[in-house]
ModelCIF file with pLDDT and N, C-alpha, C, O atoms, coordinates in Angstrom:
data_MODEL
#
_entry.id   MODEL 
#
_entity.id                         1 
_entity.type                       polymer 
_entity.pdbx_number_of_molecules   1 
#
_entity_poly.entity_id                      1 
_entity_poly.type                           'polypeptide(L)' 
_entity_poly.nstd_linkage                   no 
_entity_poly.nstd_monomer                   no 
_entity_poly.pdbx_seq_one_letter_code       DMLRVQGNEALAAEVRRFVDVMSPPRTERESIATALQEWAHVRKVEHT 
_entity_poly.pdbx_seq_one_letter_code_can   DMLRVQGNEALAAEVRRFVDVMSPPRTERESIATALQEWAHVRKVEHT 
_entity_poly.pdbx_strand_id                 A 
#
loop_
_entity_poly_seq.entity_id 
_entity_poly_seq.num 
_entity_poly_seq.mon_id 
_entity_poly_seq.hetero 
1 1  ASP n 
1 2  MET n 
1 3  LEU n 
1 4  ARG n 
1 5  VAL n 
1 6  GLN n 
1 7  GLY n 
1 8  ASN n 
1 9  GLU n 
1 10 ALA n 
1 11 LEU n 
1 12 ALA n 
1 13 ALA n 
1 14 GLU n 
1 15 VAL n 
1 16 ARG n 
1 17 ARG n 
1 18 PHE n 
1 19 VAL n 
1 20 ASP n 
1 21 VAL n 
1 22 MET n 
1 23 SER n 
1 24 PRO n 
1 25 PRO n 
1 26 ARG n 
1 27 THR n 
1 28 GLU n 
1 29 ARG n 
1 30 GLU n 
1 31 SER n 
1 32 ILE n 
1 33 ALA n 
1 34 THR n 
1 35 ALA n 
1 36 LEU n 
1 37 GLN n 
1 38 GLU n 
1 39 TRP n 
1 40 ALA n 
1 41 HIS n 
1 42 VAL n 
1 43 ARG n 
1 44 LYS n 
1 45 VAL n 
1 46 GLU n 
1 47 HIS n 
1 48 THR n 
#
_struct_asym.id          A 
_struct_asym.entity_id   1 
#
loop_
_ma_qa_metric.id 
_ma_qa_metric.mode 
_ma_qa_metric.name 
_ma_qa_metric.software_group_id 
_ma_qa_metric.type 
1 global pLDDT . pLDDT 
2 local  pLDDT . pLDDT 
#
_ma_qa_metric_global.metric_id      1 
_ma_qa_metric_global.metric_value   76.40 
_ma_qa_metric_global.model_id       1 
_ma_qa_metric_global.ordinal_id     1 
#
loop_
_ma_qa_metric_local.label_asym_id 
_ma_qa_metric_local.label_comp_id 
_ma_qa_metric_local.label_seq_id 
_ma_qa_metric_local.metric_id 
_ma_qa_metric_local.metric_value 
_ma_qa_metric_local.model_id 
_ma_qa_metric_local.ordinal_id 
A ASP 1  2 95.00 1 1  
A MET 2  2 94.00 1 2  
A LEU 3  2 96.00 1 3  
A ARG 4  2 97.00 1 4  
A VAL 5  2 95.00 1 5  
A GLN 6  2 96.00 1 6  
A GLY 7  2 97.00 1 7  
A ASN 8  2 97.00 1 8  
A GLU 9  2 98.00 1 9  
A ALA 10 2 98.00 1 10 
A LEU 11 2 98.00 1 11 
A ALA 12 2 98.00 1 12 
A ALA 13 2 98.00 1 13 
A GLU 14 2 98.00 1 14 
A VAL 15 2 97.00 1 15 
A ARG 16 2 97.00 1 16 
A ARG 17 2 97.00 1 17 
A PHE 18 2 96.00 1 18 
A VAL 19 2 94.00 1 19 
A ASP 20 2 94.00 1 20 
A VAL 21 2 92.00 1 21 
A MET 22 2 90.00 1 22 
A SER 23 2 81.00 1 23 
A PRO 24 2 79.00 1 24 
A PRO 25 2 73.00 1 25 
A ARG 26 2 62.00 1 26 
A THR 27 2 51.00 1 27 
A GLU 28 2 48.00 1 28 
A ARG 29 2 57.00 1 29 
A GLU 30 2 49.00 1 30 
A SER 31 2 48.00 1 31 
A ILE 32 2 51.00 1 32 
A ALA 33 2 52.00 1 33 
A THR 34 2 54.00 1 34 
A ALA 35 2 54.00 1 35 
A LEU 36 2 55.00 1 36 
A GLN 37 2 55.00 1 37 
A GLU 38 2 59.00 1 38 
A TRP 39 2 60.00 1 39 
A ALA 40 2 62.00 1 40 
A HIS 41 2 57.00 1 41 
A VAL 42 2 64.00 1 42 
A ARG 43 2 67.00 1 43 
A LYS 44 2 63.00 1 44 
A VAL 45 2 62.00 1 45 
A GLU 46 2 65.00 1 46 
A HIS 47 2 60.00 1 47 
A THR 48 2 67.00 1 48 
#
loop_
_atom_site.group_PDB 
_atom_site.id 
_atom_site.type_symbol 
_atom_site.label_atom_id 
_atom_site.label_alt_id 
_atom_site.label_comp_id 
_atom_site.label_asym_id 
_atom_site.label_entity_id 
_atom_site.label_seq_id 
_atom_site.pdbx_PDB_ins_code 
_atom_site.Cartn_x 
_atom_site.Cartn_y 
_atom_site.Cartn_z 
_atom_site.occupancy 
_atom_site.B_iso_or_equiv 
_atom_site.pdbx_formal_charge 
_atom_site.auth_seq_id 
_atom_site.auth_comp_id 
_atom_site.auth_asym_id 
_atom_site.auth_atom_id 
_atom_site.pdbx_PDB_model_num 
ATOM 1   N N  . ASP A 1 1  ? 48.511 -84.472  -43.791 1.00 95.00 ? 1  ASP A N  1 
ATOM 2   C CA . ASP A 1 1  ? 49.586 -83.877  -44.353 1.00 95.00 ? 1  ASP A CA 1 
ATOM 3   C C  . ASP A 1 1  ? 49.676 -81.915  -43.704 1.00 95.00 ? 1  ASP A C  1 
ATOM 4   O O  . ASP A 1 1  ? 50.607 -81.510  -43.007 1.00 95.00 ? 1  ASP A O  1 
ATOM 5   N N  . MET A 1 2  ? 48.620 -81.119  -44.115 1.00 94.00 ? 2  MET A N  1 
ATOM 6   C CA . MET A 1 2  ? 48.146 -80.006  -43.690 1.00 94.00 ? 2  MET A CA 1 
ATOM 7   C C  . MET A 1 2  ? 48.365 -80.130  -42.085 1.00 94.00 ? 2  MET A C  1 
ATOM 8   O O  . MET A 1 2  ? 49.521 -79.792  -41.827 1.00 94.00 ? 2  MET A O  1 
ATOM 9   N N  . LEU A 1 3  ? 47.673 -80.486  -40.972 1.00 96.00 ? 3  LEU A N  1 
ATOM 10  C CA . LEU A 1 3  ? 47.889 -80.583  -39.577 1.00 96.00 ? 3  LEU A CA 1 
ATOM 11  C C  . LEU A 1 3  ? 49.356 -80.907  -39.871 1.00 96.00 ? 3  LEU A C  1 
ATOM 12  O O  . LEU A 1 3  ? 50.042 -80.227  -39.108 1.00 96.00 ? 3  LEU A O  1 
ATOM 13  N N  . ARG A 1 4  ? 50.237 -81.788  -40.792 1.00 97.00 ? 4  ARG A N  1 
ATOM 14  C CA . ARG A 1 4  ? 52.082 -81.767  -39.928 1.00 97.00 ? 4  ARG A CA 1 
ATOM 15  C C  . ARG A 1 4  ? 52.574 -80.763  -40.140 1.00 97.00 ? 4  ARG A C  1 
ATOM 16  O O  . ARG A 1 4  ? 53.308 -80.077  -39.429 1.00 97.00 ? 4  ARG A O  1 
ATOM 17  N N  . VAL A 1 5  ? 52.020 -80.536  -41.618 1.00 95.00 ? 5  VAL A N  1 
ATOM 18  C CA . VAL A 1 5  ? 52.630 -79.025  -41.638 1.00 95.00 ? 5  VAL A CA 1 
ATOM 19  C C  . VAL A 1 5  ? 52.404 -77.187  -40.733 1.00 95.00 ? 5  VAL A C  1 
ATOM 20  O O  . VAL A 1 5  ? 52.788 -76.018  -40.742 1.00 95.00 ? 5  VAL A O  1 
ATOM 21  N N  . GLN A 1 6  ? 51.583 -78.075  -40.143 1.00 96.00 ? 6  GLN A N  1 
ATOM 22  C CA . GLN A 1 6  ? 51.076 -76.799  -38.692 1.00 96.00 ? 6  GLN A CA 1 
ATOM 23  C C  . GLN A 1 6  ? 51.606 -77.283  -37.622 1.00 96.00 ? 6  GLN A C  1 
ATOM 24  O O  . GLN A 1 6  ? 51.712 -76.581  -36.616 1.00 96.00 ? 6  GLN A O  1 
ATOM 25  N N  . GLY A 1 7  ? 51.948 -78.315  -37.650 1.00 97.00 ? 7  GLY A N  1 
ATOM 26  C CA . GLY A 1 7  ? 52.734 -78.727  -36.534 1.00 97.00 ? 7  GLY A CA 1 
ATOM 27  C C  . GLY A 1 7  ? 52.129 -79.178  -34.999 1.00 97.00 ? 7  GLY A C  1 
ATOM 28  O O  . GLY A 1 7  ? 52.496 -79.218  -33.825 1.00 97.00 ? 7  GLY A O  1 
ATOM 29  N N  . ASN A 1 8  ? 50.467 -79.610  -36.184 1.00 97.00 ? 8  ASN A N  1 
ATOM 30  C CA . ASN A 1 8  ? 50.213 -80.508  -35.070 1.00 97.00 ? 8  ASN A CA 1 
ATOM 31  C C  . ASN A 1 8  ? 49.870 -81.982  -35.310 1.00 97.00 ? 8  ASN A C  1 
ATOM 32  O O  . ASN A 1 8  ? 48.964 -82.636  -35.828 1.00 97.00 ? 8  ASN A O  1 
ATOM 33  N N  . GLU A 1 9  ? 51.137 -82.206  -34.627 1.00 98.00 ? 9  GLU A N  1 
ATOM 34  C CA . GLU A 1 9  ? 51.249 -84.223  -35.121 1.00 98.00 ? 9  GLU A CA 1 
ATOM 35  C C  . GLU A 1 9  ? 50.321 -85.254  -34.138 1.00 98.00 ? 9  GLU A C  1 
ATOM 36  O O  . GLU A 1 9  ? 49.930 -86.328  -34.596 1.00 98.00 ? 9  GLU A O  1 
ATOM 37  N N  . ALA A 1 10 ? 50.125 -84.996  -33.283 1.00 98.00 ? 10 ALA A N  1 
ATOM 38  C CA . ALA A 1 10 ? 48.895 -85.866  -32.733 1.00 98.00 ? 10 ALA A CA 1 
ATOM 39  C C  . ALA A 1 10 ? 47.609 -85.492  -33.473 1.00 98.00 ? 10 ALA A C  1 
ATOM 40  O O  . ALA A 1 10 ? 47.085 -86.582  -33.700 1.00 98.00 ? 10 ALA A O  1 
ATOM 41  N N  . LEU A 1 11 ? 47.212 -85.008  -33.724 1.00 98.00 ? 11 LEU A N  1 
ATOM 42  C CA . LEU A 1 11 ? 45.967 -84.992  -34.131 1.00 98.00 ? 11 LEU A CA 1 
ATOM 43  C C  . LEU A 1 11 ? 46.190 -85.295  -36.042 1.00 98.00 ? 11 LEU A C  1 
ATOM 44  O O  . LEU A 1 11 ? 45.231 -85.612  -36.745 1.00 98.00 ? 11 LEU A O  1 
ATOM 45  N N  . ALA A 1 12 ? 47.502 -85.128  -36.554 1.00 98.00 ? 12 ALA A N  1 
ATOM 46  C CA . ALA A 1 12 ? 47.637 -85.821  -37.365 1.00 98.00 ? 12 ALA A CA 1 
ATOM 47  C C  . ALA A 1 12 ? 47.274 -87.351  -37.406 1.00 98.00 ? 12 ALA A C  1 
ATOM 48  O O  . ALA A 1 12 ? 46.548 -87.931  -38.213 1.00 98.00 ? 12 ALA A O  1 
ATOM 49  N N  . ALA A 1 13 ? 48.201 -88.032  -35.955 1.00 98.00 ? 13 ALA A N  1 
ATOM 50  C CA . ALA A 1 13 ? 48.077 -89.335  -36.538 1.00 98.00 ? 13 ALA A CA 1 
ATOM 51  C C  . ALA A 1 13 ? 46.870 -89.399  -36.404 1.00 98.00 ? 13 ALA A C  1 
ATOM 52  O O  . ALA A 1 13 ? 46.264 -89.594  -37.457 1.00 98.00 ? 13 ALA A O  1 
ATOM 53  N N  . GLU A 1 14 ? 46.033 -89.273  -35.146 1.00 98.00 ? 14 GLU A N  1 
ATOM 54  C CA . GLU A 1 14 ? 44.737 -89.430  -34.626 1.00 98.00 ? 14 GLU A CA 1 
ATOM 55  C C  . GLU A 1 14 ? 43.753 -89.411  -36.472 1.00 98.00 ? 14 GLU A C  1 
ATOM 56  O O  . GLU A 1 14 ? 42.812 -90.174  -36.688 1.00 98.00 ? 14 GLU A O  1 
ATOM 57  N N  . VAL A 1 15 ? 44.111 -88.717  -37.191 1.00 97.00 ? 15 VAL A N  1 
ATOM 58  C CA . VAL A 1 15 ? 43.048 -88.776  -38.807 1.00 97.00 ? 15 VAL A CA 1 
ATOM 59  C C  . VAL A 1 15 ? 43.751 -90.242  -39.565 1.00 97.00 ? 15 VAL A C  1 
ATOM 60  O O  . VAL A 1 15 ? 42.960 -90.993  -40.135 1.00 97.00 ? 15 VAL A O  1 
ATOM 61  N N  . ARG A 1 16 ? 44.989 -90.543  -39.550 1.00 97.00 ? 16 ARG A N  1 
ATOM 62  C CA . ARG A 1 16 ? 45.749 -91.463  -39.819 1.00 97.00 ? 16 ARG A CA 1 
ATOM 63  C C  . ARG A 1 16 ? 44.977 -92.982  -39.295 1.00 97.00 ? 16 ARG A C  1 
ATOM 64  O O  . ARG A 1 16 ? 44.824 -93.936  -40.057 1.00 97.00 ? 16 ARG A O  1 
ATOM 65  N N  . ARG A 1 17 ? 44.617 -92.972  -38.097 1.00 97.00 ? 17 ARG A N  1 
ATOM 66  C CA . ARG A 1 17 ? 44.317 -94.244  -37.613 1.00 97.00 ? 17 ARG A CA 1 
ATOM 67  C C  . ARG A 1 17 ? 42.550 -93.702  -37.706 1.00 97.00 ? 17 ARG A C  1 
ATOM 68  O O  . ARG A 1 17 ? 41.826 -94.357  -36.956 1.00 97.00 ? 17 ARG A O  1 
ATOM 69  N N  . PHE A 1 18 ? 42.002 -92.865  -38.335 1.00 96.00 ? 18 PHE A N  1 
ATOM 70  C CA . PHE A 1 18 ? 40.567 -92.787  -38.379 1.00 96.00 ? 18 PHE A CA 1 
ATOM 71  C C  . PHE A 1 18 ? 40.217 -92.868  -40.117 1.00 96.00 ? 18 PHE A C  1 
ATOM 72  O O  . PHE A 1 18 ? 39.131 -92.479  -40.546 1.00 96.00 ? 18 PHE A O  1 
ATOM 73  N N  . VAL A 1 19 ? 40.884 -93.213  -40.676 1.00 94.00 ? 19 VAL A N  1 
ATOM 74  C CA . VAL A 1 19 ? 40.956 -93.717  -42.133 1.00 94.00 ? 19 VAL A CA 1 
ATOM 75  C C  . VAL A 1 19 ? 41.509 -95.077  -41.629 1.00 94.00 ? 19 VAL A C  1 
ATOM 76  O O  . VAL A 1 19 ? 40.486 -95.741  -41.797 1.00 94.00 ? 19 VAL A O  1 
ATOM 77  N N  . ASP A 1 20 ? 42.122 -95.671  -41.291 1.00 94.00 ? 20 ASP A N  1 
ATOM 78  C CA . ASP A 1 20 ? 42.794 -97.125  -41.411 1.00 94.00 ? 20 ASP A CA 1 
ATOM 79  C C  . ASP A 1 20 ? 41.266 -98.058  -40.564 1.00 94.00 ? 20 ASP A C  1 
ATOM 80  O O  . ASP A 1 20 ? 40.938 -99.244  -40.597 1.00 94.00 ? 20 ASP A O  1 
ATOM 81  N N  . VAL A 1 21 ? 40.742 -97.026  -39.979 1.00 92.00 ? 21 VAL A N  1 
ATOM 82  C CA . VAL A 1 21 ? 39.535 -98.029  -39.384 1.00 92.00 ? 21 VAL A CA 1 
ATOM 83  C C  . VAL A 1 21 ? 38.014 -98.124  -40.115 1.00 92.00 ? 21 VAL A C  1 
ATOM 84  O O  . VAL A 1 21 ? 37.062 -98.729  -39.622 1.00 92.00 ? 21 VAL A O  1 
ATOM 85  N N  . MET A 1 22 ? 37.993 -97.311  -41.545 1.00 90.00 ? 22 MET A N  1 
ATOM 86  C CA . MET A 1 22 ? 36.956 -97.050  -41.973 1.00 90.00 ? 22 MET A CA 1 
ATOM 87  C C  . MET A 1 22 ? 36.274 -98.171  -42.406 1.00 90.00 ? 22 MET A C  1 
ATOM 88  O O  . MET A 1 22 ? 36.951 -98.691  -43.293 1.00 90.00 ? 22 MET A O  1 
ATOM 89  N N  . SER A 1 23 ? 35.340 -98.742  -42.221 1.00 81.00 ? 23 SER A N  1 
ATOM 90  C CA . SER A 1 23 ? 34.467 -100.008 -42.990 1.00 81.00 ? 23 SER A CA 1 
ATOM 91  C C  . SER A 1 23 ? 34.172 -99.799  -44.035 1.00 81.00 ? 23 SER A C  1 
ATOM 92  O O  . SER A 1 23 ? 33.703 -98.702  -44.336 1.00 81.00 ? 23 SER A O  1 
ATOM 93  N N  . PRO A 1 24 ? 34.402 -101.076 -45.206 1.00 79.00 ? 24 PRO A N  1 
ATOM 94  C CA . PRO A 1 24 ? 34.159 -100.927 -46.349 1.00 79.00 ? 24 PRO A CA 1 
ATOM 95  C C  . PRO A 1 24 ? 32.801 -100.192 -46.846 1.00 79.00 ? 24 PRO A C  1 
ATOM 96  O O  . PRO A 1 24 ? 31.693 -100.205 -46.309 1.00 79.00 ? 24 PRO A O  1 
ATOM 97  N N  . PRO A 1 25 ? 33.310 -99.416  -48.277 1.00 73.00 ? 25 PRO A N  1 
ATOM 98  C CA . PRO A 1 25 ? 31.521 -99.304  -48.986 1.00 73.00 ? 25 PRO A CA 1 
ATOM 99  C C  . PRO A 1 25 ? 30.713 -100.208 -49.220 1.00 73.00 ? 25 PRO A C  1 
ATOM 100 O O  . PRO A 1 25 ? 30.789 -101.035 -50.129 1.00 73.00 ? 25 PRO A O  1 
ATOM 101 N N  . ARG A 1 26 ? 29.900 -100.107 -48.425 1.00 62.00 ? 26 ARG A N  1 
ATOM 102 C CA . ARG A 1 26 ? 28.554 -100.809 -49.679 1.00 62.00 ? 26 ARG A CA 1 
ATOM 103 C C  . ARG A 1 26 ? 27.249 -100.650 -49.376 1.00 62.00 ? 26 ARG A C  1 
ATOM 104 O O  . ARG A 1 26 ? 26.832 -100.280 -48.279 1.00 62.00 ? 26 ARG A O  1 
ATOM 105 N N  . THR A 1 27 ? 26.451 -100.978 -50.523 1.00 51.00 ? 27 THR A N  1 
ATOM 106 C CA . THR A 1 27 ? 25.253 -100.340 -50.181 1.00 51.00 ? 27 THR A CA 1 
ATOM 107 C C  . THR A 1 27 ? 24.030 -101.573 -48.896 1.00 51.00 ? 27 THR A C  1 
ATOM 108 O O  . THR A 1 27 ? 24.186 -102.658 -48.336 1.00 51.00 ? 27 THR A O  1 
ATOM 109 N N  . GLU A 1 28 ? 23.328 -100.918 -48.953 1.00 48.00 ? 28 GLU A N  1 
ATOM 110 C CA . GLU A 1 28 ? 22.439 -101.353 -47.662 1.00 48.00 ? 28 GLU A CA 1 
ATOM 111 C C  . GLU A 1 28 ? 21.940 -102.617 -48.625 1.00 48.00 ? 28 GLU A C  1 
ATOM 112 O O  . GLU A 1 28 ? 20.785 -102.754 -48.221 1.00 48.00 ? 28 GLU A O  1 
ATOM 113 N N  . ARG A 1 29 ? 22.117 -103.543 -49.581 1.00 57.00 ? 29 ARG A N  1 
ATOM 114 C CA . ARG A 1 29 ? 21.725 -104.661 -50.005 1.00 57.00 ? 29 ARG A CA 1 
ATOM 115 C C  . ARG A 1 29 ? 22.899 -105.600 -49.975 1.00 57.00 ? 29 ARG A C  1 
ATOM 116 O O  . ARG A 1 29 ? 22.874 -106.813 -49.765 1.00 57.00 ? 29 ARG A O  1 
ATOM 117 N N  . GLU A 1 30 ? 24.097 -104.701 -50.260 1.00 49.00 ? 30 GLU A N  1 
ATOM 118 C CA . GLU A 1 30 ? 25.573 -105.383 -49.832 1.00 49.00 ? 30 GLU A CA 1 
ATOM 119 C C  . GLU A 1 30 ? 25.350 -106.089 -48.100 1.00 49.00 ? 30 GLU A C  1 
ATOM 120 O O  . GLU A 1 30 ? 25.198 -107.230 -47.664 1.00 49.00 ? 30 GLU A O  1 
ATOM 121 N N  . SER A 1 31 ? 25.404 -105.159 -47.683 1.00 48.00 ? 31 SER A N  1 
ATOM 122 C CA . SER A 1 31 ? 26.073 -105.049 -45.933 1.00 48.00 ? 31 SER A CA 1 
ATOM 123 C C  . SER A 1 31 ? 24.786 -105.824 -45.458 1.00 48.00 ? 31 SER A C  1 
ATOM 124 O O  . SER A 1 31 ? 25.103 -106.284 -44.361 1.00 48.00 ? 31 SER A O  1 
ATOM 125 N N  . ILE A 1 32 ? 23.398 -106.224 -45.758 1.00 51.00 ? 32 ILE A N  1 
ATOM 126 C CA . ILE A 1 32 ? 22.478 -107.488 -45.597 1.00 51.00 ? 32 ILE A CA 1 
ATOM 127 C C  . ILE A 1 32 ? 22.892 -108.487 -46.280 1.00 51.00 ? 32 ILE A C  1 
ATOM 128 O O  . ILE A 1 32 ? 22.808 -109.562 -45.686 1.00 51.00 ? 32 ILE A O  1 
ATOM 129 N N  . ALA A 1 33 ? 23.411 -108.524 -47.568 1.00 52.00 ? 33 ALA A N  1 
ATOM 130 C CA . ALA A 1 33 ? 24.162 -110.095 -47.854 1.00 52.00 ? 33 ALA A CA 1 
ATOM 131 C C  . ALA A 1 33 ? 24.852 -110.262 -47.027 1.00 52.00 ? 33 ALA A C  1 
ATOM 132 O O  . ALA A 1 33 ? 24.445 -111.084 -46.206 1.00 52.00 ? 33 ALA A O  1 
ATOM 133 N N  . THR A 1 34 ? 26.247 -109.624 -46.741 1.00 54.00 ? 34 THR A N  1 
ATOM 134 C CA . THR A 1 34 ? 27.418 -110.275 -45.691 1.00 54.00 ? 34 THR A CA 1 
ATOM 135 C C  . THR A 1 34 ? 26.929 -110.104 -44.523 1.00 54.00 ? 34 THR A C  1 
ATOM 136 O O  . THR A 1 34 ? 27.863 -109.944 -43.737 1.00 54.00 ? 34 THR A O  1 
ATOM 137 N N  . ALA A 1 35 ? 25.347 -110.029 -43.708 1.00 54.00 ? 35 ALA A N  1 
ATOM 138 C CA . ALA A 1 35 ? 25.259 -110.434 -42.151 1.00 54.00 ? 35 ALA A CA 1 
ATOM 139 C C  . ALA A 1 35 ? 24.651 -111.232 -42.849 1.00 54.00 ? 35 ALA A C  1 
ATOM 140 O O  . ALA A 1 35 ? 24.849 -112.228 -42.154 1.00 54.00 ? 35 ALA A O  1 
ATOM 141 N N  . LEU A 1 36 ? 23.872 -111.707 -43.946 1.00 55.00 ? 36 LEU A N  1 
ATOM 142 C CA . LEU A 1 36 ? 23.102 -113.677 -44.033 1.00 55.00 ? 36 LEU A CA 1 
ATOM 143 C C  . LEU A 1 36 ? 24.690 -114.094 -43.880 1.00 55.00 ? 36 LEU A C  1 
ATOM 144 O O  . LEU A 1 36 ? 25.028 -114.264 -42.708 1.00 55.00 ? 36 LEU A O  1 
ATOM 145 N N  . GLN A 1 37 ? 25.724 -114.289 -44.872 1.00 55.00 ? 37 GLN A N  1 
ATOM 146 C CA . GLN A 1 37 ? 26.248 -114.822 -44.989 1.00 55.00 ? 37 GLN A CA 1 
ATOM 147 C C  . GLN A 1 37 ? 27.259 -115.245 -43.608 1.00 55.00 ? 37 GLN A C  1 
ATOM 148 O O  . GLN A 1 37 ? 27.512 -116.376 -43.193 1.00 55.00 ? 37 GLN A O  1 
ATOM 149 N N  . GLU A 1 38 ? 27.676 -114.058 -43.132 1.00 59.00 ? 38 GLU A N  1 
ATOM 150 C CA . GLU A 1 38 ? 28.010 -114.281 -41.394 1.00 59.00 ? 38 GLU A CA 1 
ATOM 151 C C  . GLU A 1 38 ? 27.258 -115.369 -40.875 1.00 59.00 ? 38 GLU A C  1 
ATOM 152 O O  . GLU A 1 38 ? 27.873 -116.433 -40.806 1.00 59.00 ? 38 GLU A O  1 
ATOM 153 N N  . TRP A 1 39 ? 25.587 -115.356 -40.337 1.00 60.00 ? 39 TRP A N  1 
ATOM 154 C CA . TRP A 1 39 ? 25.177 -115.534 -39.936 1.00 60.00 ? 39 TRP A CA 1 
ATOM 155 C C  . TRP A 1 39 ? 24.773 -116.745 -40.359 1.00 60.00 ? 39 TRP A C  1 
ATOM 156 O O  . TRP A 1 39 ? 24.397 -117.455 -39.427 1.00 60.00 ? 39 TRP A O  1 
ATOM 157 N N  . ALA A 1 40 ? 24.691 -117.411 -41.785 1.00 62.00 ? 40 ALA A N  1 
ATOM 158 C CA . ALA A 1 40 ? 24.617 -118.993 -42.193 1.00 62.00 ? 40 ALA A CA 1 
ATOM 159 C C  . ALA A 1 40 ? 25.991 -119.276 -42.083 1.00 62.00 ? 40 ALA A C  1 
ATOM 160 O O  . ALA A 1 40 ? 26.070 -120.492 -42.257 1.00 62.00 ? 40 ALA A O  1 
ATOM 161 N N  . HIS A 1 41 ? 27.294 -118.746 -41.860 1.00 57.00 ? 41 HIS A N  1 
ATOM 162 C CA . HIS A 1 41 ? 28.240 -119.287 -41.163 1.00 57.00 ? 41 HIS A CA 1 
ATOM 163 C C  . HIS A 1 41 ? 28.715 -119.653 -39.852 1.00 57.00 ? 41 HIS A C  1 
ATOM 164 O O  . HIS A 1 41 ? 29.601 -120.387 -39.414 1.00 57.00 ? 41 HIS A O  1 
ATOM 165 N N  . VAL A 1 42 ? 27.722 -118.805 -39.316 1.00 64.00 ? 42 VAL A N  1 
ATOM 166 C CA . VAL A 1 42 ? 27.413 -118.948 -37.858 1.00 64.00 ? 42 VAL A CA 1 
ATOM 167 C C  . VAL A 1 42 ? 26.578 -120.544 -37.529 1.00 64.00 ? 42 VAL A C  1 
ATOM 168 O O  . VAL A 1 42 ? 27.131 -121.432 -36.880 1.00 64.00 ? 42 VAL A O  1 
ATOM 169 N N  . ARG A 1 43 ? 25.585 -120.637 -37.942 1.00 67.00 ? 43 ARG A N  1 
ATOM 170 C CA . ARG A 1 43 ? 24.772 -121.651 -38.221 1.00 67.00 ? 43 ARG A CA 1 
ATOM 171 C C  . ARG A 1 43 ? 25.160 -123.147 -38.627 1.00 67.00 ? 43 ARG A C  1 
ATOM 172 O O  . ARG A 1 43 ? 24.877 -124.314 -38.357 1.00 67.00 ? 43 ARG A O  1 
ATOM 173 N N  . LYS A 1 44 ? 26.059 -122.310 -39.519 1.00 63.00 ? 44 LYS A N  1 
ATOM 174 C CA . LYS A 1 44 ? 27.060 -123.784 -39.819 1.00 63.00 ? 44 LYS A CA 1 
ATOM 175 C C  . LYS A 1 44 ? 27.697 -124.668 -38.432 1.00 63.00 ? 44 LYS A C  1 
ATOM 176 O O  . LYS A 1 44 ? 27.112 -125.521 -37.764 1.00 63.00 ? 44 LYS A O  1 
ATOM 177 N N  . VAL A 1 45 ? 29.331 -124.049 -38.242 1.00 62.00 ? 45 VAL A N  1 
ATOM 178 C CA . VAL A 1 45 ? 29.433 -123.599 -37.282 1.00 62.00 ? 45 VAL A CA 1 
ATOM 179 C C  . VAL A 1 45 ? 29.264 -124.372 -36.196 1.00 62.00 ? 45 VAL A C  1 
ATOM 180 O O  . VAL A 1 45 ? 30.064 -125.143 -35.667 1.00 62.00 ? 45 VAL A O  1 
ATOM 181 N N  . GLU A 1 46 ? 27.837 -124.025 -35.824 1.00 65.00 ? 46 GLU A N  1 
ATOM 182 C CA . GLU A 1 46 ? 27.194 -124.347 -34.470 1.00 65.00 ? 46 GLU A CA 1 
ATOM 183 C C  . GLU A 1 46 ? 26.972 -126.201 -34.778 1.00 65.00 ? 46 GLU A C  1 
ATOM 184 O O  . GLU A 1 46 ? 27.309 -127.157 -34.079 1.00 65.00 ? 46 GLU A O  1 
ATOM 185 N N  . HIS A 1 47 ? 26.319 -126.149 -36.024 1.00 60.00 ? 47 HIS A N  1 
ATOM 186 C CA . HIS A 1 47 ? 25.587 -127.610 -36.313 1.00 60.00 ? 47 HIS A CA 1 
ATOM 187 C C  . HIS A 1 47 ? 26.543 -128.277 -36.689 1.00 60.00 ? 47 HIS A C  1 
ATOM 188 O O  . HIS A 1 47 ? 26.259 -129.430 -37.013 1.00 60.00 ? 47 HIS A O  1 
ATOM 189 N N  . THR A 1 48 ? 28.102 -127.834 -36.808 1.00 67.00 ? 48 THR A N  1 
ATOM 190 C CA . THR A 1 48 ? 29.677 -129.039 -36.807 1.00 67.00 ? 48 THR A CA 1 
ATOM 191 C C  . THR A 1 48 ? 29.267 -129.244 -35.201 1.00 67.00 ? 48 THR A C  1 
ATOM 192 O O  . THR A 1 48 ? 29.935 -129.988 -34.483 1.00 67.00 ? 48 THR A O  1 
#
């Protein structure tokens, strides 16, 4: 919003996109658990 007020619409749009693609906040253990779940899902699909 401050960038818009200062007339920098292009950078303001970049900031909005930057926020939109932030990954969800996870602890390291939660990230490992998510990776294990994804790995198990891929193995299940391959087995099927």
